[in-house]
Full PDB file with SEQRES, HELIX, SHEET, SSBOND, CRYST1, ORIGX, SCALE, CONECT and MASTER records, all heavy atoms in Angstrom:
SEQRES   1 A   34  MET ASN ALA PRO SER VAL ILE GLN TYR LEU LEU LEU ALA          
SEQRES   2 A   34  VAL LEU LEU SER ALA ALA LEU VAL ALA LEU ALA VAL GLY          
SEQRES   3 A   34  LEU ARG ARG TYR ARG GLN ARG ILE                              
HELIX    1 AA1 VAL A    6  ARG A   33  1                                  28    
CRYST1    1.000    1.000    1.000  90.00  90.00  90.00 P 1           1          
ORIGX1      1.000000  0.000000  0.000000        0.00000                         
ORIGX2      0.000000  1.000000  0.000000        0.00000                         
ORIGX3      0.000000  0.000000  1.000000        0.00000                         
SCALE1      1.000000  0.000000  0.000000        0.00000                         
SCALE2      0.000000  1.000000  0.000000        0.00000                         
SCALE3      0.000000  0.000000  1.000000        0.00000                         
ATOM      1  N   MET A   1       0.844  -1.190   0.000  1.00  0.00           N  
ATOM      2  CA  MET A   1       0.000   0.000   0.000  1.00  0.00           C  
ATOM      3  C   MET A   1       0.880   1.240   0.000  1.00  0.00           C  
ATOM      4  O   MET A   1       2.064   1.200   0.280  1.00  0.00           O  
ATOM      5  CB  MET A   1      -0.926   0.012   1.210  1.00  0.00           C  
ATOM      6  CG  MET A   1      -0.199   0.039   2.564  1.00  0.00           C  
ATOM      7  SD  MET A   1      -1.336   0.369   3.900  1.00  0.00           S  
ATOM      8  CE  MET A   1      -1.786   2.052   3.541  1.00  0.00           C  
ATOM      9  N   ASN A   2       0.278   2.392  -0.271  1.00  0.00           N  
ATOM     10  CA  ASN A   2       1.033   3.625  -0.387  1.00  0.00           C  
ATOM     11  C   ASN A   2       1.263   4.263   0.972  1.00  0.00           C  
ATOM     12  O   ASN A   2       0.387   4.270   1.834  1.00  0.00           O  
ATOM     13  CB  ASN A   2       0.288   4.626  -1.294  1.00  0.00           C  
ATOM     14  CG  ASN A   2       0.183   4.124  -2.722  1.00  0.00           C  
ATOM     15  OD1 ASN A   2       1.091   3.458  -3.213  1.00  0.00           O  
ATOM     16  ND2 ASN A   2      -0.931   4.425  -3.374  1.00  0.00           N  
ATOM     17  N   ALA A   3       2.473   4.826   1.119  1.00  0.00           N  
ATOM     18  CA  ALA A   3       2.780   5.584   2.333  1.00  0.00           C  
ATOM     19  C   ALA A   3       2.125   6.954   2.231  1.00  0.00           C  
ATOM     20  O   ALA A   3       1.762   7.408   1.133  1.00  0.00           O  
ATOM     21  CB  ALA A   3       4.290   5.724   2.474  1.00  0.00           C  
ATOM     22  N   PRO A   4       1.928   7.654   3.365  1.00  0.00           N  
ATOM     23  CA  PRO A   4       1.368   9.005   3.311  1.00  0.00           C  
ATOM     24  C   PRO A   4       2.176   9.888   2.373  1.00  0.00           C  
ATOM     25  O   PRO A   4       3.404   9.827   2.342  1.00  0.00           O  
ATOM     26  CB  PRO A   4       1.466   9.470   4.763  1.00  0.00           C  
ATOM     27  CG  PRO A   4       1.440   8.201   5.554  1.00  0.00           C  
ATOM     28  CD  PRO A   4       2.174   7.193   4.729  1.00  0.00           C  
ATOM     29  N   SER A   5       1.490  10.724   1.637  1.00  0.00           N  
ATOM     30  CA  SER A   5       2.137  11.560   0.635  1.00  0.00           C  
ATOM     31  C   SER A   5       2.809  12.765   1.264  1.00  0.00           C  
ATOM     32  O   SER A   5       2.558  13.112   2.427  1.00  0.00           O  
ATOM     33  CB  SER A   5       1.114  12.027  -0.395  1.00  0.00           C  
ATOM     34  OG  SER A   5       0.190  12.916   0.227  1.00  0.00           O  
ATOM     35  N   VAL A   6       3.633  13.418   0.432  1.00  0.00           N  
ATOM     36  CA  VAL A   6       4.295  14.638   0.880  1.00  0.00           C  
ATOM     37  C   VAL A   6       3.265  15.693   1.243  1.00  0.00           C  
ATOM     38  O   VAL A   6       3.417  16.422   2.235  1.00  0.00           O  
ATOM     39  CB  VAL A   6       5.243  15.153  -0.224  1.00  0.00           C  
ATOM     40  CG1 VAL A   6       5.842  16.498   0.177  1.00  0.00           C  
ATOM     41  CG2 VAL A   6       6.330  14.141  -0.510  1.00  0.00           C  
ATOM     42  N   ILE A   7       2.200  15.772   0.465  1.00  0.00           N  
ATOM     43  CA  ILE A   7       1.161  16.784   0.720  1.00  0.00           C  
ATOM     44  C   ILE A   7       0.509  16.539   2.078  1.00  0.00           C  
ATOM     45  O   ILE A   7       0.247  17.473   2.837  1.00  0.00           O  
ATOM     46  CB  ILE A   7       0.112  16.755  -0.409  1.00  0.00           C  
ATOM     47  CG1 ILE A   7       0.755  17.202  -1.722  1.00  0.00           C  
ATOM     48  CG2 ILE A   7      -1.068  17.656  -0.058  1.00  0.00           C  
ATOM     49  CD1 ILE A   7      -0.189  17.156  -2.905  1.00  0.00           C  
ATOM     50  N   GLN A   8       0.262  15.268   2.395  1.00  0.00           N  
ATOM     51  CA  GLN A   8      -0.329  14.953   3.694  1.00  0.00           C  
ATOM     52  C   GLN A   8       0.580  15.393   4.840  1.00  0.00           C  
ATOM     53  O   GLN A   8       0.126  15.977   5.831  1.00  0.00           O  
ATOM     54  CB  GLN A   8      -0.602  13.454   3.792  1.00  0.00           C  
ATOM     55  CG  GLN A   8      -1.788  12.976   2.964  1.00  0.00           C  
ATOM     56  CD  GLN A   8      -1.955  11.485   3.055  1.00  0.00           C  
ATOM     57  OE1 GLN A   8      -1.114  10.721   2.582  1.00  0.00           O  
ATOM     58  NE2 GLN A   8      -3.034  11.049   3.672  1.00  0.00           N  
ATOM     59  N   TYR A   9       1.877  15.100   4.690  1.00  0.00           N  
ATOM     60  CA  TYR A   9       2.826  15.498   5.728  1.00  0.00           C  
ATOM     61  C   TYR A   9       2.941  17.015   5.824  1.00  0.00           C  
ATOM     62  O   TYR A   9       3.026  17.577   6.932  1.00  0.00           O  
ATOM     63  CB  TYR A   9       4.202  14.885   5.453  1.00  0.00           C  
ATOM     64  CG  TYR A   9       4.373  13.510   6.050  1.00  0.00           C  
ATOM     65  CD1 TYR A   9       4.405  12.378   5.244  1.00  0.00           C  
ATOM     66  CD2 TYR A   9       4.483  13.344   7.424  1.00  0.00           C  
ATOM     67  CE1 TYR A   9       4.548  11.116   5.789  1.00  0.00           C  
ATOM     68  CE2 TYR A   9       4.625  12.087   7.973  1.00  0.00           C  
ATOM     69  CZ  TYR A   9       4.664  10.971   7.164  1.00  0.00           C  
ATOM     70  OH  TYR A   9       4.799   9.720   7.715  1.00  0.00           O  
ATOM     71  N   LEU A  10       2.924  17.691   4.693  1.00  0.00           N  
ATOM     72  CA  LEU A  10       3.006  19.151   4.711  1.00  0.00           C  
ATOM     73  C   LEU A  10       1.773  19.745   5.386  1.00  0.00           C  
ATOM     74  O   LEU A  10       1.872  20.706   6.164  1.00  0.00           O  
ATOM     75  CB  LEU A  10       3.155  19.692   3.294  1.00  0.00           C  
ATOM     76  CG  LEU A  10       4.513  19.446   2.625  1.00  0.00           C  
ATOM     77  CD1 LEU A  10       4.496  19.957   1.185  1.00  0.00           C  
ATOM     78  CD2 LEU A  10       5.624  20.134   3.412  1.00  0.00           C  
ATOM     79  N   LEU A  11       0.617  19.188   5.072  1.00  0.00           N  
ATOM     80  CA  LEU A  11      -0.612  19.687   5.690  1.00  0.00           C  
ATOM     81  C   LEU A  11      -0.596  19.455   7.196  1.00  0.00           C  
ATOM     82  O   LEU A  11      -0.971  20.338   7.986  1.00  0.00           O  
ATOM     83  CB  LEU A  11      -1.819  18.995   5.060  1.00  0.00           C  
ATOM     84  CG  LEU A  11      -3.211  19.457   5.547  1.00  0.00           C  
ATOM     85  CD1 LEU A  11      -3.352  20.967   5.397  1.00  0.00           C  
ATOM     86  CD2 LEU A  11      -4.314  18.727   4.793  1.00  0.00           C  
ATOM     87  N   LEU A  12      -0.130  18.253   7.591  1.00  0.00           N  
ATOM     88  CA  LEU A  12      -0.034  17.969   9.026  1.00  0.00           C  
ATOM     89  C   LEU A  12       0.998  18.884   9.682  1.00  0.00           C  
ATOM     90  O   LEU A  12       0.815  19.329  10.827  1.00  0.00           O  
ATOM     91  CB  LEU A  12       0.342  16.509   9.245  1.00  0.00           C  
ATOM     92  CG  LEU A  12       0.292  16.022  10.701  1.00  0.00           C  
ATOM     93  CD1 LEU A  12      -1.112  16.143  11.262  1.00  0.00           C  
ATOM     94  CD2 LEU A  12       0.780  14.577  10.799  1.00  0.00           C  
ATOM     95  N   ALA A  13       2.068  19.191   8.943  1.00  0.00           N  
ATOM     96  CA  ALA A  13       3.084  20.099   9.478  1.00  0.00           C  
ATOM     97  C   ALA A  13       2.518  21.490   9.704  1.00  0.00           C  
ATOM     98  O   ALA A  13       2.862  22.164  10.676  1.00  0.00           O  
ATOM     99  CB  ALA A  13       4.282  20.157   8.534  1.00  0.00           C  
ATOM    100  N   VAL A  14       1.643  21.926   8.784  1.00  0.00           N  
ATOM    101  CA  VAL A  14       0.995  23.234   8.949  1.00  0.00           C  
ATOM    102  C   VAL A  14       0.127  23.230  10.211  1.00  0.00           C  
ATOM    103  O   VAL A  14       0.141  24.177  11.009  1.00  0.00           O  
ATOM    104  CB  VAL A  14       0.147  23.578   7.709  1.00  0.00           C  
ATOM    105  CG1 VAL A  14      -0.718  24.810   7.975  1.00  0.00           C  
ATOM    106  CG2 VAL A  14       1.051  23.823   6.512  1.00  0.00           C  
ATOM    107  N   LEU A  15      -0.623  22.147  10.409  1.00  0.00           N  
ATOM    108  CA  LEU A  15      -1.471  22.044  11.596  1.00  0.00           C  
ATOM    109  C   LEU A  15      -0.632  21.983  12.870  1.00  0.00           C  
ATOM    110  O   LEU A  15      -0.993  22.576  13.897  1.00  0.00           O  
ATOM    111  CB  LEU A  15      -2.356  20.804  11.488  1.00  0.00           C  
ATOM    112  CG  LEU A  15      -3.396  20.816  10.358  1.00  0.00           C  
ATOM    113  CD1 LEU A  15      -4.122  19.488  10.283  1.00  0.00           C  
ATOM    114  CD2 LEU A  15      -4.399  21.948  10.570  1.00  0.00           C  
ATOM    115  N   LEU A  16       0.494  21.255  12.791  1.00  0.00           N  
ATOM    116  CA  LEU A  16       1.387  21.193  13.945  1.00  0.00           C  
ATOM    117  C   LEU A  16       1.954  22.573  14.260  1.00  0.00           C  
ATOM    118  O   LEU A  16       2.063  22.961  15.437  1.00  0.00           O  
ATOM    119  CB  LEU A  16       2.515  20.203  13.676  1.00  0.00           C  
ATOM    120  CG  LEU A  16       3.590  20.080  14.761  1.00  0.00           C  
ATOM    121  CD1 LEU A  16       2.975  19.649  16.091  1.00  0.00           C  
ATOM    122  CD2 LEU A  16       4.689  19.103  14.343  1.00  0.00           C  
ATOM    123  N   SER A  17       2.313  23.313  13.223  1.00  0.00           N  
ATOM    124  CA  SER A  17       2.829  24.671  13.427  1.00  0.00           C  
ATOM    125  C   SER A  17       1.786  25.537  14.111  1.00  0.00           C  
ATOM    126  O   SER A  17       2.098  26.341  15.006  1.00  0.00           O  
ATOM    127  CB  SER A  17       3.239  25.287  12.090  1.00  0.00           C  
ATOM    128  OG  SER A  17       4.276  24.530  11.487  1.00  0.00           O  
ATOM    129  N   ALA A  18       0.521  25.381  13.704  1.00  0.00           N  
ATOM    130  CA  ALA A  18      -0.561  26.146  14.331  1.00  0.00           C  
ATOM    131  C   ALA A  18      -0.711  25.763  15.801  1.00  0.00           C  
ATOM    132  O   ALA A  18      -0.948  26.612  16.669  1.00  0.00           O  
ATOM    133  CB  ALA A  18      -1.865  25.900  13.583  1.00  0.00           C  
ATOM    134  N   ALA A  19      -0.547  24.453  16.085  1.00  0.00           N  
ATOM    135  CA  ALA A  19      -0.641  23.997  17.477  1.00  0.00           C  
ATOM    136  C   ALA A  19       0.498  24.573  18.308  1.00  0.00           C  
ATOM    137  O   ALA A  19       0.302  24.976  19.467  1.00  0.00           O  
ATOM    138  CB  ALA A  19      -0.617  22.476  17.530  1.00  0.00           C  
ATOM    139  N   LEU A  20       1.682  24.632  17.741  1.00  0.00           N  
ATOM    140  CA  LEU A  20       2.823  25.192  18.456  1.00  0.00           C  
ATOM    141  C   LEU A  20       2.644  26.691  18.683  1.00  0.00           C  
ATOM    142  O   LEU A  20       3.059  27.219  19.728  1.00  0.00           O  
ATOM    143  CB  LEU A  20       4.111  24.917  17.676  1.00  0.00           C  
ATOM    144  CG  LEU A  20       4.538  23.445  17.616  1.00  0.00           C  
ATOM    145  CD1 LEU A  20       5.731  23.277  16.679  1.00  0.00           C  
ATOM    146  CD2 LEU A  20       4.872  22.923  19.007  1.00  0.00           C  
ATOM    147  N   VAL A  21       2.038  27.368  17.698  1.00  0.00           N  
ATOM    148  CA  VAL A  21       1.733  28.791  17.884  1.00  0.00           C  
ATOM    149  C   VAL A  21       0.733  28.959  19.029  1.00  0.00           C  
ATOM    150  O   VAL A  21       0.876  29.847  19.878  1.00  0.00           O  
ATOM    151  CB  VAL A  21       1.181  29.399  16.583  1.00  0.00           C  
ATOM    152  CG1 VAL A  21       0.609  30.801  16.843  1.00  0.00           C  
ATOM    153  CG2 VAL A  21       2.274  29.471  15.525  1.00  0.00           C  
ATOM    154  N   ALA A  22      -0.280  28.086  19.051  1.00  0.00           N  
ATOM    155  CA  ALA A  22      -1.262  28.142  20.141  1.00  0.00           C  
ATOM    156  C   ALA A  22      -0.584  27.901  21.486  1.00  0.00           C  
ATOM    157  O   ALA A  22      -0.902  28.561  22.487  1.00  0.00           O  
ATOM    158  CB  ALA A  22      -2.355  27.110  19.905  1.00  0.00           C  
ATOM    159  N   LEU A  23       0.365  26.955  21.524  1.00  0.00           N  
ATOM    160  CA  LEU A  23       1.115  26.695  22.749  1.00  0.00           C  
ATOM    161  C   LEU A  23       1.907  27.932  23.166  1.00  0.00           C  
ATOM    162  O   LEU A  23       1.894  28.324  24.345  1.00  0.00           O  
ATOM    163  CB  LEU A  23       2.057  25.510  22.525  1.00  0.00           C  
ATOM    164  CG  LEU A  23       3.035  25.178  23.651  1.00  0.00           C  
ATOM    165  CD1 LEU A  23       2.290  24.809  24.925  1.00  0.00           C  
ATOM    166  CD2 LEU A  23       3.968  24.038  23.235  1.00  0.00           C  
ATOM    167  N   ALA A  24       2.573  28.558  22.210  1.00  0.00           N  
ATOM    168  CA  ALA A  24       3.374  29.749  22.511  1.00  0.00           C  
ATOM    169  C   ALA A  24       2.496  30.896  22.989  1.00  0.00           C  
ATOM    170  O   ALA A  24       2.848  31.615  23.932  1.00  0.00           O  
ATOM    171  CB  ALA A  24       4.165  30.163  21.278  1.00  0.00           C  
ATOM    172  N   VAL A  25       1.346  31.070  22.342  1.00  0.00           N  
ATOM    173  CA  VAL A  25       0.426  32.144  22.746  1.00  0.00           C  
ATOM    174  C   VAL A  25      -0.081  31.900  24.167  1.00  0.00           C  
ATOM    175  O   VAL A  25      -0.176  32.824  24.985  1.00  0.00           O  
ATOM    176  CB  VAL A  25      -0.755  32.242  21.757  1.00  0.00           C  
ATOM    177  CG1 VAL A  25      -1.842  33.163  22.296  1.00  0.00           C  
ATOM    178  CG2 VAL A  25      -0.268  32.746  20.399  1.00  0.00           C  
ATOM    179  N   GLY A  26      -0.398  30.637  24.471  1.00  0.00           N  
ATOM    180  CA  GLY A  26      -0.875  30.316  25.808  1.00  0.00           C  
ATOM    181  C   GLY A  26       0.174  30.567  26.868  1.00  0.00           C  
ATOM    182  O   GLY A  26      -0.118  31.106  27.947  1.00  0.00           O  
ATOM    183  N   LEU A  27       1.419  30.188  26.585  1.00  0.00           N  
ATOM    184  CA  LEU A  27       2.498  30.433  27.542  1.00  0.00           C  
ATOM    185  C   LEU A  27       2.795  31.922  27.666  1.00  0.00           C  
ATOM    186  O   LEU A  27       3.140  32.402  28.758  1.00  0.00           O  
ATOM    187  CB  LEU A  27       3.756  29.668  27.110  1.00  0.00           C  
ATOM    188  CG  LEU A  27       3.642  28.139  27.159  1.00  0.00           C  
ATOM    189  CD1 LEU A  27       4.920  27.492  26.642  1.00  0.00           C  
ATOM    190  CD2 LEU A  27       3.332  27.655  28.570  1.00  0.00           C  
ATOM    191  N   ARG A  28       2.649  32.644  26.561  1.00  0.00           N  
ATOM    192  CA  ARG A  28       2.842  34.102  26.609  1.00  0.00           C  
ATOM    193  C   ARG A  28       1.778  34.751  27.496  1.00  0.00           C  
ATOM    194  O   ARG A  28       2.052  35.697  28.230  1.00  0.00           O  
ATOM    195  CB  ARG A  28       2.777  34.679  25.202  1.00  0.00           C  
ATOM    196  CG  ARG A  28       3.014  36.195  25.139  1.00  0.00           C  
ATOM    197  CD  ARG A  28       3.087  36.657  23.695  1.00  0.00           C  
ATOM    198  NE  ARG A  28       3.311  38.087  23.609  1.00  0.00           N  
ATOM    199  CZ  ARG A  28       2.335  39.002  23.565  1.00  0.00           C  
ATOM    200  NH1 ARG A  28       1.064  38.598  23.590  1.00  0.00           N  
ATOM    201  NH2 ARG A  28       2.613  40.285  23.500  1.00  0.00           N  
ATOM    202  N   ARG A  29       0.583  34.196  27.470  1.00  0.00           N  
ATOM    203  CA  ARG A  29      -0.479  34.707  28.341  1.00  0.00           C  
ATOM    204  C   ARG A  29      -0.108  34.515  29.806  1.00  0.00           C  
ATOM    205  O   ARG A  29      -0.360  35.399  30.644  1.00  0.00           O  
ATOM    206  CB  ARG A  29      -1.793  33.980  28.022  1.00  0.00           C  
ATOM    207  CG  ARG A  29      -2.983  34.534  28.780  1.00  0.00           C  
ATOM    208  CD  ARG A  29      -4.254  33.801  28.432  1.00  0.00           C  
ATOM    209  NE  ARG A  29      -4.201  32.399  28.841  1.00  0.00           N  
ATOM    210  CZ  ARG A  29      -5.278  31.609  28.911  1.00  0.00           C  
ATOM    211  NH1 ARG A  29      -6.454  32.074  28.576  1.00  0.00           N  
ATOM    212  NH2 ARG A  29      -5.153  30.349  29.292  1.00  0.00           N  
ATOM    213  N   TYR A  30       0.514  33.378  30.126  1.00  0.00           N  
ATOM    214  CA  TYR A  30       0.980  33.174  31.497  1.00  0.00           C  
ATOM    215  C   TYR A  30       2.025  34.219  31.864  1.00  0.00           C  
ATOM    216  O   TYR A  30       2.030  34.756  32.976  1.00  0.00           O  
ATOM    217  CB  TYR A  30       1.563  31.770  31.651  1.00  0.00           C  
ATOM    218  CG  TYR A  30       0.542  30.716  31.975  1.00  0.00           C  
ATOM    219  CD1 TYR A  30       0.175  29.762  31.039  1.00  0.00           C  
ATOM    220  CD2 TYR A  30      -0.074  30.669  33.231  1.00  0.00           C  
ATOM    221  CE1 TYR A  30      -0.769  28.780  31.330  1.00  0.00           C  
ATOM    222  CE2 TYR A  30      -1.015  29.696  33.533  1.00  0.00           C  
ATOM    223  CZ  TYR A  30      -1.359  28.764  32.579  1.00  0.00           C  
ATOM    224  OH  TYR A  30      -2.301  27.796  32.878  1.00  0.00           O  
ATOM    225  N   ARG A  31       2.925  34.490  30.938  1.00  0.00           N  
ATOM    226  CA  ARG A  31       3.971  35.480  31.217  1.00  0.00           C  
ATOM    227  C   ARG A  31       3.361  36.850  31.482  1.00  0.00           C  
ATOM    228  O   ARG A  31       3.811  37.576  32.374  1.00  0.00           O  
ATOM    229  CB  ARG A  31       4.956  35.562  30.050  1.00  0.00           C  
ATOM    230  CG  ARG A  31       6.201  36.375  30.381  1.00  0.00           C  
ATOM    231  CD  ARG A  31       7.112  36.542  29.183  1.00  0.00           C  
ATOM    232  NE  ARG A  31       8.418  37.058  29.565  1.00  0.00           N  
ATOM    233  CZ  ARG A  31       8.672  38.329  29.864  1.00  0.00           C  
ATOM    234  NH1 ARG A  31       7.707  39.231  29.821  1.00  0.00           N  
ATOM    235  NH2 ARG A  31       9.899  38.709  30.210  1.00  0.00           N  
ATOM    236  N   GLN A  32       2.345  37.196  30.722  1.00  0.00           N  
ATOM    237  CA  GLN A  32       1.687  38.491  30.930  1.00  0.00           C  
ATOM    238  C   GLN A  32       1.001  38.548  32.290  1.00  0.00           C  
ATOM    239  O   GLN A  32       1.008  39.590  32.954  1.00  0.00           O  
ATOM    240  CB  GLN A  32       0.676  38.730  29.807  1.00  0.00           C  
ATOM    241  CG  GLN A  32       1.317  38.970  28.446  1.00  0.00           C  
ATOM    242  CD  GLN A  32       0.298  38.997  27.325  1.00  0.00           C  
ATOM    243  OE1 GLN A  32      -0.786  38.402  27.421  1.00  0.00           O  
ATOM    244  NE2 GLN A  32       0.632  39.674  26.231  1.00  0.00           N  
ATOM    245  N   ARG A  33       0.419  37.446  32.693  1.00  0.00           N  
ATOM    246  CA  ARG A  33      -0.211  37.404  34.015  1.00  0.00           C  
ATOM    247  C   ARG A  33       0.836  37.543  35.117  1.00  0.00           C  
ATOM    248  O   ARG A  33       0.650  38.294  36.075  1.00  0.00           O  
ATOM    249  CB  ARG A  33      -0.963  36.078  34.193  1.00  0.00           C  
ATOM    250  CG  ARG A  33      -2.213  35.927  33.343  1.00  0.00           C  
ATOM    251  CD  ARG A  33      -2.728  34.508  33.490  1.00  0.00           C  
ATOM    252  NE  ARG A  33      -4.008  34.309  32.830  1.00  0.00           N  
ATOM    253  CZ  ARG A  33      -4.621  33.128  32.737  1.00  0.00           C  
ATOM    254  NH1 ARG A  33      -4.049  32.047  33.263  1.00  0.00           N  
ATOM    255  NH2 ARG A  33      -5.783  33.016  32.129  1.00  0.00           N  
ATOM    256  N   ILE A  34       1.925  36.792  34.972  1.00  0.00           N  
ATOM    257  CA  ILE A  34       2.983  36.831  35.981  1.00  0.00           C  
ATOM    258  C   ILE A  34       3.589  38.220  36.078  1.00  0.00           C  
ATOM    259  O   ILE A  34       3.981  38.678  37.163  1.00  0.00           O  
ATOM    260  CB  ILE A  34       4.056  35.772  35.650  1.00  0.00           C  
ATOM    261  CG1 ILE A  34       3.457  34.371  35.812  1.00  0.00           C  
ATOM    262  CG2 ILE A  34       5.286  35.921  36.539  1.00  0.00           C  
ATOM    263  CD1 ILE A  34       4.300  33.263  35.204  1.00  0.00           C  
TER     264      ILE A  34                                                      
MASTER        0    0    0    1    0    0    0    6  263    1    0    3          
END                                                                             
């Protein structure tokens, strides 16, 4: 069977990048509170 395509990995990478941005924004909110 076929392995996941480059496009699938790129799309997942975009979503992962968004998740990391959300993580950074959340931690930045803690810094602002502190």
